[in-house]
Amino acid sequence: MPKVSSVIVPYATYLRVYEPLAAFPEPERDHWARYARRADRPSYQDELRRSLVDLLPTPPIPVPVHESGDAFVLEVEGVLCVCPWRTRLRGWQALEELGDELPGPVLDAVLPEVVRRQAAQDYERWLARNPDARPWIRTSTWQVPLHWFVLVSDGERRFDKGSGDIPPMLRYRTPMVQARRRVARALRTLKDAIDEGPLIDGLVDVGRWLEEFHPRSLVELDYGGLVHTLSAGELEDDHSAADVADGIDALRRGDGAAAGTAYGRLVERWRSVRDRRSAN
């Protein structure tokens, strides 16, 4: 197997769910209990590095042959919480969306049609055997979807400038019950105020996803590799969760002007990120 690259793969953001160990059935629960005791557990960047290695052979391997046995692990107030990678499942799901991200000729150059077709057939067969499968991690490139910010609050924001070889970090973590409550409350407000739109659609989708998990889970929104496209000052000044909350609260009060101001701050901030994507 090729050596895993040490280069940090940038520009992806993540929404993760960490479920308490008790939520997993045996023998998976025992596997994660033993896994959590390992001293050599991989870091946040390792999964992307391994995926990058799979794209180097000819033909490339868009989806791992076997499901990952790795996970991210947190211990909160004595409760062990686990976020399985499920890299194979997420690879299949990402492959389904790739056609919307890349022009046809570019897509064919990156992943030949025959490779994509075989992966799609493998996924269809696997899904027939595992109809209730769902990922613990959602990924977005070059942005944090605005509806993700509804799940968290500015008080849960954690920012570290980093130093030396340690990159900066911008992350939110919140209890599952809070995330679900915020989604439900925001949906009521938005449906009363604007009836329909991508923000509502996104919240409905993520709300259904959250319902699949244990109520004592934790939800994490992580800027991931996107921090490498933004300056320390831009990251420090980024309070997008507060802007989203302000906008929804203004709509709840019927203050369209204040909602527009909050939305304007978001548009200006995230336009600069999208512009950098286009520049690449």
C-alpha atoms as a PDB file:
ATOM      1  CA  MET A   1       0.000   0.000   0.000  1.00  0.00           C
ATOM      2  CA  PRO A   2       1.390   3.488  -0.822  1.00  0.00           C
ATOM      3  CA  LYS A   3       2.570   5.601   2.047  1.00  0.00           C
ATOM      4  CA  VAL A   4      -0.161   7.916   3.319  1.00  0.00           C
ATOM      5  CA  SER A   5       0.550  11.529   2.395  1.00  0.00           C
ATOM      6  CA  SER A   6       1.479  13.898   5.220  1.00  0.00           C
ATOM      7  CA  VAL A   7      -0.049  16.828   3.323  1.00  0.00           C
ATOM      8  CA  ILE A   8      -3.191  18.178   4.970  1.00  0.00           C
ATOM      9  CA  VAL A   9      -6.114  17.903   2.585  1.00  0.00           C
ATOM     10  CA  PRO A  10      -8.066  21.171   2.788  1.00  0.00           C
ATOM     11  CA  TYR A  11     -11.416  22.720   1.992  1.00  0.00           C
ATOM     12  CA  ALA A  12     -13.857  20.199   3.535  1.00  0.00           C
ATOM     13  CA  THR A  13     -16.178  20.972   6.456  1.00  0.00           C
ATOM     14  CA  TYR A  14     -17.977  18.417   8.604  1.00  0.00           C
ATOM     15  CA  LEU A  15     -21.142  17.814  10.583  1.00  0.00           C
ATOM     16  CA  ARG A  16     -20.574  14.867  12.935  1.00  0.00           C
ATOM     17  CA  VAL A  17     -22.684  12.946  15.415  1.00  0.00           C
ATOM     18  CA  TYR A  18     -21.046  11.239  18.384  1.00  0.00           C
ATOM     19  CA  GLU A  19     -23.303   8.564  19.874  1.00  0.00           C
ATOM     20  CA  PRO A  20     -22.880   7.168  23.397  1.00  0.00           C
ATOM     21  CA  LEU A  21     -21.347   3.711  23.460  1.00  0.00           C
ATOM     22  CA  ALA A  22     -24.600   2.279  24.830  1.00  0.00           C
ATOM     23  CA  ALA A  23     -26.369   3.164  21.561  1.00  0.00           C
ATOM     24  CA  PHE A  24     -24.381   0.553  19.613  1.00  0.00           C
ATOM     25  CA  PRO A  25     -25.472  -3.098  19.526  1.00  0.00           C
ATOM     26  CA  GLU A  26     -23.079  -5.930  20.248  1.00  0.00           C
ATOM     27  CA  PRO A  27     -20.599  -6.919  18.928  1.00  0.00           C
ATOM     28  CA  GLU A  28     -20.034  -3.390  17.575  1.00  0.00           C
ATOM     29  CA  ARG A  29     -20.207  -1.907  21.080  1.00  0.00           C
ATOM     30  CA  ASP A  30     -17.353  -4.129  22.248  1.00  0.00           C
ATOM     31  CA  HIS A  31     -15.328  -3.192  19.165  1.00  0.00           C
ATOM     32  CA  TRP A  32     -15.651   0.533  19.904  1.00  0.00           C
ATOM     33  CA  ALA A  33     -14.910   0.037  23.609  1.00  0.00           C
ATOM     34  CA  ARG A  34     -11.641  -1.688  22.716  1.00  0.00           C
ATOM     35  CA  TYR A  35     -10.940   0.837  19.968  1.00  0.00           C
ATOM     36  CA  ALA A  36     -11.306   3.768  22.386  1.00  0.00           C
ATOM     37  CA  ARG A  37      -8.497   2.359  24.533  1.00  0.00           C
ATOM     38  CA  ARG A  38      -6.035   2.455  21.639  1.00  0.00           C
ATOM     39  CA  ALA A  39      -3.284   5.058  21.848  1.00  0.00           C
ATOM     40  CA  ASP A  40      -2.817   5.196  18.065  1.00  0.00           C
ATOM     41  CA  ARG A  41      -6.305   6.320  17.028  1.00  0.00           C
ATOM     42  CA  PRO A  42      -6.219   8.367  13.798  1.00  0.00           C
ATOM     43  CA  SER A  43      -6.666  12.129  13.687  1.00  0.00           C
ATOM     44  CA  TYR A  44      -9.279  14.174  11.838  1.00  0.00           C
ATOM     45  CA  GLN A  45      -7.030  14.456   8.779  1.00  0.00           C
ATOM     46  CA  ASP A  46      -6.147  10.780   8.469  1.00  0.00           C
ATOM     47  CA  GLU A  47      -9.358   9.677   6.777  1.00  0.00           C
ATOM     48  CA  LEU A  48      -8.966  12.232   3.988  1.00  0.00           C
ATOM     49  CA  ARG A  49      -5.332  11.306   3.544  1.00  0.00           C
ATOM     50  CA  ARG A  50      -6.243   7.631   3.159  1.00  0.00           C
ATOM     51  CA  SER A  51      -8.990   8.476   0.694  1.00  0.00           C
ATOM     52  CA  LEU A  52      -6.518  10.514  -1.347  1.00  0.00           C
ATOM     53  CA  VAL A  53      -4.196   7.530  -1.542  1.00  0.00           C
ATOM     54  CA  ASP A  54      -7.056   5.433  -2.995  1.00  0.00           C
ATOM     55  CA  LEU A  55      -7.380   7.894  -5.889  1.00  0.00           C
ATOM     56  CA  LEU A  56      -3.745   7.434  -6.963  1.00  0.00           C
ATOM     57  CA  PRO A  57      -3.910   3.944  -8.541  1.00  0.00           C
ATOM     58  CA  THR A  58      -5.037   3.376 -12.127  1.00  0.00           C
ATOM     59  CA  PRO A  59      -7.965   2.952 -12.229  1.00  0.00           C
ATOM     60  CA  PRO A  60      -8.689   4.943  -9.044  1.00  0.00           C
ATOM     61  CA  ILE A  61     -10.600   3.445  -6.108  1.00  0.00           C
ATOM     62  CA  PRO A  62     -13.468   5.885  -5.453  1.00  0.00           C
ATOM     63  CA  VAL A  63     -15.004   3.776  -2.679  1.00  0.00           C
ATOM     64  CA  PRO A  64     -13.066   1.534  -0.254  1.00  0.00           C
ATOM     65  CA  VAL A  65     -13.482  -2.194  -0.810  1.00  0.00           C
ATOM     66  CA  HIS A  66     -14.143  -2.725   2.892  1.00  0.00           C
ATOM     67  CA  GLU A  67     -15.894  -0.508   5.435  1.00  0.00           C
ATOM     68  CA  SER A  68     -13.649   1.395   7.819  1.00  0.00           C
ATOM     69  CA  GLY A  69     -13.292   0.147  11.383  1.00  0.00           C
ATOM     70  CA  ASP A  70     -12.149   3.564  12.570  1.00  0.00           C
ATOM     71  CA  ALA A  71     -13.994   6.292  14.439  1.00  0.00           C
ATOM     72  CA  PHE A  72     -13.549   9.572  16.264  1.00  0.00           C
ATOM     73  CA  VAL A  73     -13.950   9.270  20.028  1.00  0.00           C
ATOM     74  CA  LEU A  74     -14.947  11.761  22.743  1.00  0.00           C
ATOM     75  CA  GLU A  75     -15.435  11.330  26.462  1.00  0.00           C
ATOM     76  CA  VAL A  76     -17.893  13.820  27.921  1.00  0.00           C
ATOM     77  CA  GLU A  77     -18.751  13.804  31.626  1.00  0.00           C
ATOM     78  CA  GLY A  78     -17.611  10.208  31.872  1.00  0.00           C
ATOM     79  CA  VAL A  79     -19.662   9.036  28.876  1.00  0.00           C
ATOM     80  CA  LEU A  80     -17.747   7.569  25.938  1.00  0.00           C
ATOM     81  CA  CYS A  81     -19.146   8.820  22.611  1.00  0.00           C
ATOM     82  CA  VAL A  82     -18.213   7.425  19.198  1.00  0.00           C
ATOM     83  CA  CYS A  83     -18.486   8.811  15.671  1.00  0.00           C
ATOM     84  CA  PRO A  84     -17.795   5.965  13.188  1.00  0.00           C
ATOM     85  CA  TRP A  85     -16.157   7.012   9.946  1.00  0.00           C
ATOM     86  CA  ARG A  86     -18.286   4.776   7.689  1.00  0.00           C
ATOM     87  CA  THR A  87     -15.982   5.838   4.846  1.00  0.00           C
ATOM     88  CA  ARG A  88     -17.370   3.335   2.345  1.00  0.00           C
ATOM     89  CA  LEU A  89     -20.980   4.446   2.755  1.00  0.00           C
ATOM     90  CA  ARG A  90     -20.037   8.110   2.601  1.00  0.00           C
ATOM     91  CA  GLY A  91     -17.919   7.457  -0.479  1.00  0.00           C
ATOM     92  CA  TRP A  92     -20.901   5.989  -2.308  1.00  0.00           C
ATOM     93  CA  GLN A  93     -23.107   8.898  -1.273  1.00  0.00           C
ATOM     94  CA  ALA A  94     -20.504  11.465  -2.321  1.00  0.00           C
ATOM     95  CA  LEU A  95     -20.130   9.746  -5.677  1.00  0.00           C
ATOM     96  CA  GLU A  96     -23.866  10.186  -6.297  1.00  0.00           C
ATOM     97  CA  GLU A  97     -23.495  13.948  -5.781  1.00  0.00           C
ATOM     98  CA  LEU A  98     -20.300  14.367  -7.783  1.00  0.00           C
ATOM     99  CA  GLY A  99     -22.117  14.846 -11.066  1.00  0.00           C
ATOM    100  CA  ASP A 100     -23.628  18.059  -9.715  1.00  0.00           C
ATOM    101  CA  GLU A 101     -20.209  19.371  -8.674  1.00  0.00           C
ATOM    102  CA  LEU A 102     -18.060  18.781 -11.765  1.00  0.00           C
ATOM    103  CA  PRO A 103     -18.561  19.231 -15.528  1.00  0.00           C
ATOM    104  CA  GLY A 104     -18.795  15.970 -17.459  1.00  0.00           C
ATOM    105  CA  PRO A 105     -15.302  16.054 -19.066  1.00  0.00           C
ATOM    106  CA  VAL A 106     -13.662  16.876 -15.717  1.00  0.00           C
ATOM    107  CA  LEU A 107     -15.632  14.145 -13.970  1.00  0.00           C
ATOM    108  CA  ASP A 108     -14.583  11.586 -16.596  1.00  0.00           C
ATOM    109  CA  ALA A 109     -10.943  12.604 -16.161  1.00  0.00           C
ATOM    110  CA  VAL A 110     -11.115  12.277 -12.382  1.00  0.00           C
ATOM    111  CA  LEU A 111     -13.210   9.093 -12.276  1.00  0.00           C
ATOM    112  CA  PRO A 112     -13.847   7.215 -15.539  1.00  0.00           C
ATOM    113  CA  GLU A 113     -17.471   6.360 -16.269  1.00  0.00           C
ATOM    114  CA  VAL A 114     -16.843   2.617 -15.994  1.00  0.00           C
ATOM    115  CA  VAL A 115     -15.491   3.111 -12.455  1.00  0.00           C
ATOM    116  CA  ARG A 116     -18.486   5.223 -11.444  1.00  0.00           C
ATOM    117  CA  ARG A 117     -20.942   2.746 -12.929  1.00  0.00           C
ATOM    118  CA  GLN A 118     -19.392  -0.197 -11.086  1.00  0.00           C
ATOM    119  CA  ALA A 119     -19.416   1.742  -7.807  1.00  0.00           C
ATOM    120  CA  ALA A 120     -23.099   2.646  -8.313  1.00  0.00           C
ATOM    121  CA  GLN A 121     -23.994  -1.000  -8.923  1.00  0.00           C
ATOM    122  CA  ASP A 122     -22.076  -2.062  -5.802  1.00  0.00           C
ATOM    123  CA  TYR A 123     -23.927   0.560  -3.756  1.00  0.00           C
ATOM    124  CA  GLU A 124     -27.310  -0.534  -5.062  1.00  0.00           C
ATOM    125  CA  ARG A 125     -26.635  -4.154  -4.065  1.00  0.00           C
ATOM    126  CA  TRP A 126     -25.270  -3.131  -0.657  1.00  0.00           C
ATOM    127  CA  LEU A 127     -28.203  -0.807   0.049  1.00  0.00           C
ATOM    128  CA  ALA A 128     -30.675  -3.589  -0.670  1.00  0.00           C
ATOM    129  CA  ARG A 129     -29.064  -5.522   2.202  1.00  0.00           C
ATOM    130  CA  ASN A 130     -28.704  -2.466   4.454  1.00  0.00           C
ATOM    131  CA  PRO A 131     -31.765  -0.243   3.837  1.00  0.00           C
ATOM    132  CA  ASP A 132     -31.503   1.580   7.187  1.00  0.00           C
ATOM    133  CA  ALA A 133     -27.830   2.540   6.878  1.00  0.00           C
ATOM    134  CA  ARG A 134     -26.905   6.153   7.568  1.00  0.00           C
ATOM    135  CA  PRO A 135     -23.615   8.007   8.032  1.00  0.00           C
ATOM    136  CA  TRP A 136     -22.493   9.631  11.272  1.00  0.00           C
ATOM    137  CA  ILE A 137     -20.638  12.318   9.281  1.00  0.00           C
ATOM    138  CA  ARG A 138     -21.815  14.776   6.653  1.00  0.00           C
ATOM    139  CA  THR A 139     -19.282  16.627   4.518  1.00  0.00           C
ATOM    140  CA  SER A 140     -19.396  19.821   2.493  1.00  0.00           C
ATOM    141  CA  THR A 141     -16.655  21.368   0.341  1.00  0.00           C
ATOM    142  CA  TRP A 142     -15.747  25.052   0.219  1.00  0.00           C
ATOM    143  CA  GLN A 143     -18.562  26.084   2.545  1.00  0.00           C
ATOM    144  CA  VAL A 144     -20.460  25.458   5.731  1.00  0.00           C
ATOM    145  CA  PRO A 145     -24.107  25.034   4.635  1.00  0.00           C
ATOM    146  CA  LEU A 146     -26.076  27.789   6.355  1.00  0.00           C
ATOM    147  CA  HIS A 147     -28.647  25.391   7.815  1.00  0.00           C
ATOM    148  CA  TRP A 148     -25.853  23.648   9.761  1.00  0.00           C
ATOM    149  CA  PHE A 149     -25.430  26.821  11.827  1.00  0.00           C
ATOM    150  CA  VAL A 150     -29.021  26.529  13.051  1.00  0.00           C
ATOM    151  CA  LEU A 151     -27.993  23.468  15.089  1.00  0.00           C
ATOM    152  CA  VAL A 152     -25.461  25.343  17.238  1.00  0.00           C
ATOM    153  CA  SER A 153     -25.103  28.591  19.178  1.00  0.00           C
ATOM    154  CA  ASP A 154     -22.363  31.190  19.307  1.00  0.00           C
ATOM    155  CA  GLY A 155     -21.716  30.268  22.947  1.00  0.00           C
ATOM    156  CA  GLU A 156     -20.688  26.783  21.797  1.00  0.00           C
ATOM    157  CA  ARG A 157     -18.109  28.155  19.396  1.00  0.00           C
ATOM    158  CA  ARG A 158     -14.461  27.171  20.000  1.00  0.00           C
ATOM    159  CA  PHE A 159     -11.685  28.915  18.101  1.00  0.00           C
ATOM    160  CA  ASP A 160      -7.940  28.247  18.333  1.00  0.00           C
ATOM    161  CA  LYS A 161      -5.506  30.269  16.241  1.00  0.00           C
ATOM    162  CA  GLY A 162      -3.013  27.406  16.152  1.00  0.00           C
ATOM    163  CA  SER A 163       0.739  27.820  16.133  1.00  0.00           C
ATOM    164  CA  GLY A 164       3.749  26.304  14.424  1.00  0.00           C
ATOM    165  CA  ASP A 165       2.697  23.031  12.800  1.00  0.00           C
ATOM    166  CA  ILE A 166      -0.683  23.095  14.548  1.00  0.00           C
ATOM    167  CA  PRO A 167      -3.349  24.510  12.197  1.00  0.00           C
ATOM    168  CA  PRO A 168      -6.146  26.785  13.417  1.00  0.00           C
ATOM    169  CA  MET A 169      -9.429  25.232  14.528  1.00  0.00           C
ATOM    170  CA  LEU A 170     -13.006  26.510  14.500  1.00  0.00           C
ATOM    171  CA  ARG A 171     -15.602  24.130  15.879  1.00  0.00           C
ATOM    172  CA  TYR A 172     -18.973  23.951  17.620  1.00  0.00           C
ATOM    173  CA  ARG A 173     -20.333  21.124  19.789  1.00  0.00           C
ATOM    174  CA  THR A 174     -23.848  20.855  21.182  1.00  0.00           C
ATOM    175  CA  PRO A 175     -26.067  18.210  22.817  1.00  0.00           C
ATOM    176  CA  MET A 176     -28.386  16.413  20.421  1.00  0.00           C
ATOM    177  CA  VAL A 177     -31.495  17.582  22.303  1.00  0.00           C
ATOM    178  CA  GLN A 178     -30.454  21.214  21.767  1.00  0.00           C
ATOM    179  CA  ALA A 179     -29.734  20.676  18.072  1.00  0.00           C
ATOM    180  CA  ARG A 180     -33.152  19.067  17.518  1.00  0.00           C
ATOM    181  CA  ARG A 181     -34.924  21.798  19.470  1.00  0.00           C
ATOM    182  CA  ARG A 182     -33.227  24.531  17.427  1.00  0.00           C
ATOM    183  CA  VAL A 183     -34.124  22.838  14.147  1.00  0.00           C
ATOM    184  CA  ALA A 184     -37.795  22.487  15.139  1.00  0.00           C
ATOM    185  CA  ARG A 185     -38.039  26.078  16.358  1.00  0.00           C
ATOM    186  CA  ALA A 186     -36.291  27.499  13.282  1.00  0.00           C
ATOM    187  CA  LEU A 187     -38.533  25.506  10.959  1.00  0.00           C
ATOM    188  CA  ARG A 188     -41.668  26.900  12.595  1.00  0.00           C
ATOM    189  CA  THR A 189     -40.371  30.453  12.198  1.00  0.00           C
ATOM    190  CA  LEU A 190     -39.145  30.052   8.632  1.00  0.00           C
ATOM    191  CA  LYS A 191     -42.318  28.352   7.410  1.00  0.00           C
ATOM    192  CA  ASP A 192     -44.391  31.185   8.882  1.00  0.00           C
ATOM    193  CA  ALA A 193     -42.128  33.842   7.371  1.00  0.00           C
ATOM    194  CA  ILE A 194     -40.991  32.573   3.966  1.00  0.00           C
ATOM    195  CA  ASP A 195     -43.000  29.383   3.355  1.00  0.00           C
ATOM    196  CA  GLU A 196     -40.325  27.588   1.273  1.00  0.00           C
ATOM    197  CA  GLY A 197     -36.698  27.778   0.155  1.00  0.00           C
ATOM    198  CA  PRO A 198     -33.313  26.024   0.347  1.00  0.00           C
ATOM    199  CA  LEU A 199     -32.824  26.875   4.030  1.00  0.00           C
ATOM    200  CA  ILE A 200     -36.095  25.150   4.928  1.00  0.00           C
ATOM    201  CA  ASP A 201     -35.301  22.165   2.697  1.00  0.00           C
ATOM    202  CA  GLY A 202     -31.874  21.814   4.275  1.00  0.00           C
ATOM    203  CA  LEU A 203     -33.290  21.972   7.801  1.00  0.00           C
ATOM    204  CA  VAL A 204     -35.945  19.362   7.053  1.00  0.00           C
ATOM    205  CA  ASP A 205     -33.262  17.045   5.686  1.00  0.00           C
ATOM    206  CA  VAL A 206     -30.810  17.495   8.544  1.00  0.00           C
ATOM    207  CA  GLY A 207     -33.624  17.263  11.100  1.00  0.00           C
ATOM    208  CA  ARG A 208     -34.636  13.855   9.751  1.00  0.00           C
ATOM    209  CA  TRP A 209     -31.001  12.756   9.884  1.00  0.00           C
ATOM    210  CA  LEU A 210     -30.613  13.818  13.526  1.00  0.00           C
ATOM    211  CA  GLU A 211     -33.697  11.808  14.500  1.00  0.00           C
ATOM    212  CA  GLU A 212     -31.800   8.636  13.560  1.00  0.00           C
ATOM    213  CA  PHE A 213     -29.439   8.986  16.546  1.00  0.00           C
ATOM    214  CA  HIS A 214     -29.517   8.463  20.293  1.00  0.00           C
ATOM    215  CA  PRO A 215     -30.932  11.503  22.178  1.00  0.00           C
ATOM    216  CA  ARG A 216     -27.793  11.711  24.352  1.00  0.00           C
ATOM    217  CA  SER A 217     -25.538  12.120  21.321  1.00  0.00           C
ATOM    218  CA  LEU A 218     -23.362  15.139  20.619  1.00  0.00           C
ATOM    219  CA  VAL A 219     -23.430  17.137  17.378  1.00  0.00           C
ATOM    220  CA  GLU A 220     -20.217  18.727  16.105  1.00  0.00           C
ATOM    221  CA  LEU A 221     -19.844  21.335  13.373  1.00  0.00           C
ATOM    222  CA  ASP A 222     -16.204  21.546  12.293  1.00  0.00           C
ATOM    223  CA  TYR A 223     -14.718  24.001   9.785  1.00  0.00           C
ATOM    224  CA  GLY A 224     -12.137  21.292   9.052  1.00  0.00           C
ATOM    225  CA  GLY A 225      -9.805  22.128   6.172  1.00  0.00           C
ATOM    226  CA  LEU A 226     -11.687  25.304   5.294  1.00  0.00           C
ATOM    227  CA  VAL A 227      -9.582  27.081   7.916  1.00  0.00           C
ATOM    228  CA  HIS A 228      -6.672  26.910   5.444  1.00  0.00           C
ATOM    229  CA  THR A 229      -8.465  29.270   3.054  1.00  0.00           C
ATOM    230  CA  LEU A 230      -9.176  31.948   5.674  1.00  0.00           C
ATOM    231  CA  SER A 231      -6.891  34.246   7.620  1.00  0.00           C
ATOM    232  CA  ALA A 232      -6.700  34.119  11.412  1.00  0.00           C
ATOM    233  CA  GLY A 233      -8.542  37.429  11.520  1.00  0.00           C
ATOM    234  CA  GLU A 234     -11.353  36.190   9.277  1.00  0.00           C
ATOM    235  CA  LEU A 235     -11.760  33.080  11.425  1.00  0.00           C
ATOM    236  CA  GLU A 236     -11.720  35.070  14.648  1.00  0.00           C
ATOM    237  CA  ASP A 237     -14.400  37.425  13.303  1.00  0.00           C
ATOM    238  CA  ASP A 238     -16.561  34.607  11.933  1.00  0.00           C
ATOM    239  CA  HIS A 239     -19.679  34.325  14.079  1.00  0.00           C
ATOM    240  CA  SER A 240     -21.944  32.806  11.445  1.00  0.00           C
ATOM    241  CA  ALA A 241     -23.996  30.839  13.982  1.00  0.00           C
ATOM    242  CA  ALA A 242     -24.814  34.102  15.764  1.00  0.00           C
ATOM    243  CA  ASP A 243     -25.766  35.759  12.463  1.00  0.00           C
ATOM    244  CA  VAL A 244     -28.092  32.882  11.551  1.00  0.00           C
ATOM    245  CA  ALA A 245     -29.674  32.966  15.025  1.00  0.00           C
ATOM    246  CA  ASP A 246     -30.088  36.743  14.804  1.00  0.00           C
ATOM    247  CA  GLY A 247     -31.764  36.475  11.421  1.00  0.00           C
ATOM    248  CA  ILE A 248     -34.216  33.787  12.533  1.00  0.00           C
ATOM    249  CA  ASP A 249     -34.993  35.670  15.732  1.00  0.00           C
ATOM    250  CA  ALA A 250     -35.679  38.823  13.708  1.00  0.00           C
ATOM    251  CA  LEU A 251     -38.088  36.885  11.470  1.00  0.00           C
ATOM    252  CA  ARG A 252     -39.818  35.546  14.577  1.00  0.00           C
ATOM    253  CA  ARG A 253     -40.359  39.142  15.733  1.00  0.00           C
ATOM    254  CA  GLY A 254     -41.513  40.211  12.282  1.00  0.00           C
ATOM    255  CA  ASP A 255     -38.473  42.503  11.830  1.00  0.00           C
ATOM    256  CA  GLY A 256     -37.611  42.010   8.176  1.00  0.00           C
ATOM    257  CA  ALA A 257     -34.986  44.765   8.159  1.00  0.00           C
ATOM    258  CA  ALA A 258     -32.964  43.173  10.984  1.00  0.00           C
ATOM    259  CA  ALA A 259     -33.264  39.751   9.318  1.00  0.00           C
ATOM    260  CA  GLY A 260     -31.965  41.258   6.083  1.00  0.00           C
ATOM    261  CA  THR A 261     -28.991  42.816   7.887  1.00  0.00           C
ATOM    262  CA  ALA A 262     -28.023  39.495   9.469  1.00  0.00           C
ATOM    263  CA  TYR A 263     -28.400  37.721   6.139  1.00  0.00           C
ATOM    264  CA  GLY A 264     -26.261  40.377   4.459  1.00  0.00           C
ATOM    265  CA  ARG A 265     -23.410  39.697   6.891  1.00  0.00           C
ATOM    266  CA  LEU A 266     -23.577  36.000   6.027  1.00  0.00           C
ATOM    267  CA  VAL A 267     -23.690  36.596   2.281  1.00  0.00           C
ATOM    268  CA  GLU A 268     -20.687  38.921   2.384  1.00  0.00           C
ATOM    269  CA  ARG A 269     -18.636  36.509   4.507  1.00  0.00           C
ATOM    270  CA  TRP A 270     -19.341  33.378   2.489  1.00  0.00           C
ATOM    271  CA  ARG A 271     -19.142  35.071  -0.911  1.00  0.00           C
ATOM    272  CA  SER A 272     -15.420  35.609  -0.321  1.00  0.00           C
ATOM    273  CA  VAL A 273     -14.984  31.881   0.315  1.00  0.00           C
ATOM    274  CA  ARG A 274     -16.913  30.954  -2.846  1.00  0.00           C
ATOM    275  CA  ASP A 275     -14.805  33.406  -4.838  1.00  0.00           C
ATOM    276  CA  ARG A 276     -11.670  31.541  -3.736  1.00  0.00           C
ATOM    277  CA  ARG A 277     -13.212  28.294  -4.924  1.00  0.00           C
ATOM    278  CA  SER A 278     -13.819  29.824  -8.353  1.00  0.00           C
ATOM    279  CA  ALA A 279     -10.255  31.130  -8.440  1.00  0.00           C
ATOM    280  CA  ASN A 280      -9.029  27.536  -8.215  1.00  0.00           C
END
